[in-house]
Amino acid sequence: MKGTPPVERFDPPNMEAYGRICGWTLTRSHARSGDPIAIAGYLGKGDVFDRAITEFAEAYATQNDKDYEQFLAAIDGGRIPAVDD
């Protein structure tokens, strides 16, 4: 069963609820995929993967902060319209 809700008409509380439901569904589906024993065997006992995923997460967070600052600057500069509730 698939459906497409009219997200363009959602108010902020409904959009937040929809986002949470989508996130929960995606997380649950990914958590159930794969074979945990095979994945653990593939990753091994070292910390190479741990360090790599940490480095990626930190770089991603830094880029996210930069993107958000550019987004706010675009709003302040009038390039993107924004509504304050």
N, C-alpha and C. Protein backbone atom coordinates (compact mmCIF):
# COMPACT_ATOMS: atom_id res chain seq x y z
N MET A 1 0.84 -1.17 0.00
CA MET A 1 0.00 0.00 0.00
C MET A 1 0.89 1.24 0.00
N LYS A 2 0.82 1.97 -1.07
CA LYS A 2 1.57 3.21 -1.17
C LYS A 2 0.60 4.36 -1.35
N GLY A 3 1.02 5.50 -0.91
CA GLY A 3 0.20 6.68 -1.07
C GLY A 3 1.09 7.91 -1.03
N THR A 4 0.58 8.98 -1.53
CA THR A 4 1.30 10.23 -1.50
C THR A 4 0.42 11.29 -0.84
N PRO A 5 0.76 11.68 0.37
CA PRO A 5 -0.05 12.70 1.04
C PRO A 5 0.20 14.07 0.40
N PRO A 6 -0.73 14.98 0.54
CA PRO A 6 -0.57 16.32 -0.05
C PRO A 6 0.35 17.20 0.81
N VAL A 7 1.64 16.89 0.81
CA VAL A 7 2.58 17.58 1.69
C VAL A 7 2.64 19.08 1.42
N GLU A 8 2.35 19.49 0.20
CA GLU A 8 2.38 20.92 -0.11
C GLU A 8 1.31 21.70 0.64
N ARG A 9 0.34 21.00 1.20
CA ARG A 9 -0.72 21.67 1.98
C ARG A 9 -0.57 21.46 3.48
N PHE A 10 0.47 20.77 3.91
CA PHE A 10 0.67 20.53 5.34
C PHE A 10 1.06 21.81 6.06
N ASP A 11 0.53 21.98 7.25
CA ASP A 11 1.01 23.06 8.11
C ASP A 11 2.23 22.52 8.87
N PRO A 12 3.00 23.40 9.55
CA PRO A 12 4.23 22.92 10.21
C PRO A 12 4.05 21.73 11.16
N PRO A 13 3.02 21.70 12.03
CA PRO A 13 2.89 20.52 12.90
C PRO A 13 2.65 19.22 12.12
N ASN A 14 1.83 19.30 11.06
CA ASN A 14 1.59 18.09 10.26
C ASN A 14 2.84 17.66 9.49
N MET A 15 3.61 18.63 8.99
CA MET A 15 4.84 18.30 8.27
C MET A 15 5.85 17.65 9.22
N GLU A 16 5.92 18.17 10.45
CA GLU A 16 6.82 17.57 11.44
C GLU A 16 6.40 16.13 11.75
N ALA A 17 5.11 15.91 11.95
CA ALA A 17 4.62 14.56 12.23
C ALA A 17 4.90 13.63 11.05
N TYR A 18 4.68 14.12 9.85
CA TYR A 18 4.94 13.31 8.65
C TYR A 18 6.42 12.97 8.55
N GLY A 19 7.28 13.94 8.82
CA GLY A 19 8.72 13.71 8.79
C GLY A 19 9.14 12.67 9.80
N ARG A 20 8.56 12.74 11.00
CA ARG A 20 8.88 11.76 12.03
C ARG A 20 8.45 10.35 11.62
N ILE A 21 7.27 10.24 11.03
CA ILE A 21 6.78 8.94 10.58
C ILE A 21 7.68 8.38 9.48
N CYS A 22 8.06 9.23 8.53
CA CYS A 22 8.95 8.79 7.45
C CYS A 22 10.30 8.35 8.01
N GLY A 23 10.85 9.13 8.93
CA GLY A 23 12.13 8.79 9.55
C GLY A 23 12.07 7.48 10.31
N TRP A 24 11.00 7.30 11.07
CA TRP A 24 10.83 6.07 11.84
C TRP A 24 10.75 4.87 10.89
N THR A 25 9.95 5.01 9.84
CA THR A 25 9.78 3.92 8.88
C THR A 25 11.09 3.57 8.21
N LEU A 26 11.83 4.58 7.77
CA LEU A 26 13.11 4.35 7.11
C LEU A 26 14.11 3.70 8.06
N THR A 27 14.17 4.20 9.27
CA THR A 27 15.09 3.65 10.26
C THR A 27 14.77 2.19 10.55
N ARG A 28 13.51 1.91 10.74
CA ARG A 28 13.10 0.54 11.05
C ARG A 28 13.41 -0.41 9.89
N SER A 29 13.16 0.04 8.68
CA SER A 29 13.41 -0.84 7.54
C SER A 29 14.90 -1.10 7.36
N HIS A 30 15.73 -0.09 7.58
CA HIS A 30 17.17 -0.28 7.45
C HIS A 30 17.73 -1.13 8.60
N ALA A 31 17.17 -0.98 9.76
CA ALA A 31 17.64 -1.76 10.91
C ALA A 31 17.37 -3.25 10.72
N ARG A 32 16.38 -3.57 9.94
CA ARG A 32 16.02 -4.97 9.74
C ARG A 32 16.73 -5.58 8.54
N SER A 33 17.41 -4.79 7.75
CA SER A 33 18.07 -5.33 6.57
C SER A 33 19.46 -5.85 6.93
N GLY A 34 19.89 -6.81 6.20
CA GLY A 34 21.24 -7.33 6.40
C GLY A 34 21.31 -8.38 7.50
N ASP A 35 22.39 -9.06 7.49
CA ASP A 35 22.66 -10.11 8.47
C ASP A 35 23.68 -9.56 9.46
N PRO A 36 23.28 -9.35 10.73
CA PRO A 36 24.19 -8.73 11.70
C PRO A 36 25.51 -9.48 11.86
N ILE A 37 25.48 -10.79 11.81
CA ILE A 37 26.70 -11.57 11.97
C ILE A 37 27.62 -11.38 10.77
N ALA A 38 27.04 -11.38 9.57
CA ALA A 38 27.84 -11.17 8.37
C ALA A 38 28.42 -9.75 8.35
N ILE A 39 27.63 -8.77 8.75
CA ILE A 39 28.12 -7.39 8.79
C ILE A 39 29.26 -7.26 9.79
N ALA A 40 29.08 -7.83 10.97
CA ALA A 40 30.14 -7.78 11.99
C ALA A 40 31.41 -8.46 11.49
N GLY A 41 31.26 -9.58 10.80
CA GLY A 41 32.42 -10.26 10.24
C GLY A 41 33.11 -9.43 9.18
N TYR A 42 32.32 -8.73 8.38
CA TYR A 42 32.87 -7.89 7.33
C TYR A 42 33.63 -6.71 7.93
N LEU A 43 33.10 -6.11 9.00
CA LEU A 43 33.73 -4.95 9.62
C LEU A 43 34.98 -5.33 10.40
N GLY A 44 35.04 -6.55 10.89
CA GLY A 44 36.21 -6.99 11.64
C GLY A 44 36.24 -6.45 13.06
N LYS A 45 37.38 -6.67 13.71
CA LYS A 45 37.49 -6.30 15.12
C LYS A 45 38.20 -4.97 15.33
N GLY A 46 38.78 -4.42 14.29
CA GLY A 46 39.50 -3.16 14.43
C GLY A 46 38.56 -1.97 14.50
N ASP A 47 39.14 -0.79 14.52
CA ASP A 47 38.33 0.42 14.63
C ASP A 47 38.36 1.26 13.35
N VAL A 48 38.76 0.65 12.24
CA VAL A 48 38.85 1.39 10.98
C VAL A 48 37.47 1.93 10.58
N PHE A 49 36.46 1.07 10.62
CA PHE A 49 35.12 1.52 10.25
C PHE A 49 34.63 2.59 11.23
N ASP A 50 34.85 2.38 12.52
CA ASP A 50 34.42 3.35 13.53
C ASP A 50 35.02 4.72 13.26
N ARG A 51 36.30 4.74 12.95
CA ARG A 51 36.97 6.02 12.69
C ARG A 51 36.44 6.64 11.39
N ALA A 52 36.23 5.82 10.38
CA ALA A 52 35.74 6.33 9.09
C ALA A 52 34.34 6.91 9.22
N ILE A 53 33.46 6.23 9.93
CA ILE A 53 32.09 6.73 10.06
C ILE A 53 32.05 7.98 10.93
N THR A 54 32.93 8.06 11.92
CA THR A 54 33.02 9.26 12.75
C THR A 54 33.50 10.44 11.92
N GLU A 55 34.53 10.21 11.11
CA GLU A 55 35.05 11.28 10.24
C GLU A 55 33.98 11.75 9.27
N PHE A 56 33.26 10.80 8.69
CA PHE A 56 32.19 11.16 7.77
C PHE A 56 31.11 11.97 8.48
N ALA A 57 30.69 11.53 9.66
CA ALA A 57 29.64 12.23 10.40
C ALA A 57 30.05 13.65 10.76
N GLU A 58 31.30 13.83 11.15
CA GLU A 58 31.78 15.17 11.49
C GLU A 58 31.82 16.06 10.25
N ALA A 59 32.29 15.54 9.13
CA ALA A 59 32.33 16.31 7.89
C ALA A 59 30.91 16.65 7.42
N TYR A 60 30.01 15.70 7.57
CA TYR A 60 28.61 15.92 7.17
C TYR A 60 27.98 17.01 8.03
N ALA A 61 28.24 16.97 9.33
CA ALA A 61 27.69 17.99 10.24
C ALA A 61 28.25 19.36 9.91
N THR A 62 29.53 19.43 9.61
CA THR A 62 30.15 20.71 9.23
C THR A 62 29.52 21.26 7.96
N GLN A 63 29.34 20.40 6.97
CA GLN A 63 28.72 20.83 5.71
C GLN A 63 27.27 21.25 5.95
N ASN A 64 26.57 20.53 6.80
CA ASN A 64 25.18 20.88 7.12
C ASN A 64 25.11 22.27 7.74
N ASP A 65 26.04 22.58 8.64
CA ASP A 65 26.08 23.91 9.26
C ASP A 65 26.33 24.99 8.21
N LYS A 66 27.26 24.73 7.29
CA LYS A 66 27.54 25.70 6.22
C LYS A 66 26.32 25.91 5.33
N ASP A 67 25.67 24.81 4.98
CA ASP A 67 24.47 24.90 4.13
C ASP A 67 23.38 25.71 4.83
N TYR A 68 23.20 25.48 6.13
CA TYR A 68 22.17 26.19 6.87
C TYR A 68 22.48 27.69 6.94
N GLU A 69 23.75 28.03 7.13
CA GLU A 69 24.13 29.44 7.14
C GLU A 69 23.85 30.09 5.79
N GLN A 70 24.13 29.38 4.70
CA GLN A 70 23.82 29.91 3.37
C GLN A 70 22.31 30.05 3.18
N PHE A 71 21.56 29.12 3.69
CA PHE A 71 20.11 29.17 3.63
C PHE A 71 19.58 30.40 4.35
N LEU A 72 20.07 30.64 5.57
CA LEU A 72 19.65 31.82 6.32
C LEU A 72 20.07 33.11 5.61
N ALA A 73 21.25 33.12 5.03
CA ALA A 73 21.72 34.29 4.29
C ALA A 73 20.82 34.55 3.08
N ALA A 74 20.38 33.49 2.42
CA ALA A 74 19.48 33.64 1.27
C ALA A 74 18.14 34.21 1.71
N ILE A 75 17.67 33.81 2.87
CA ILE A 75 16.42 34.38 3.40
C ILE A 75 16.63 35.85 3.71
N ASP A 76 17.72 36.15 4.44
CA ASP A 76 18.02 37.54 4.81
C ASP A 76 18.21 38.41 3.58
N GLY A 77 18.78 37.86 2.52
CA GLY A 77 19.02 38.61 1.30
C GLY A 77 17.81 38.69 0.39
N GLY A 78 16.70 38.07 0.76
CA GLY A 78 15.49 38.12 -0.03
C GLY A 78 15.47 37.17 -1.22
N ARG A 79 16.45 36.27 -1.32
CA ARG A 79 16.48 35.33 -2.44
C ARG A 79 15.52 34.16 -2.22
N ILE A 80 15.18 33.90 -0.97
CA ILE A 80 14.23 32.84 -0.62
C ILE A 80 13.17 33.46 0.28
N PRO A 81 11.89 33.35 -0.10
CA PRO A 81 10.84 33.89 0.78
C PRO A 81 10.66 32.99 2.01
N ALA A 82 10.38 33.60 3.12
CA ALA A 82 10.16 32.84 4.35
C ALA A 82 9.01 33.45 5.14
N VAL A 83 8.27 32.60 5.82
CA VAL A 83 7.16 33.03 6.66
C VAL A 83 7.48 32.65 8.08
N ASP A 84 7.33 33.59 8.99
CA ASP A 84 7.60 33.34 10.40
C ASP A 84 6.27 33.15 11.11
N ASP A 85 6.05 31.97 11.69
CA ASP A 85 4.78 31.71 12.41
C ASP A 85 4.88 32.18 13.83
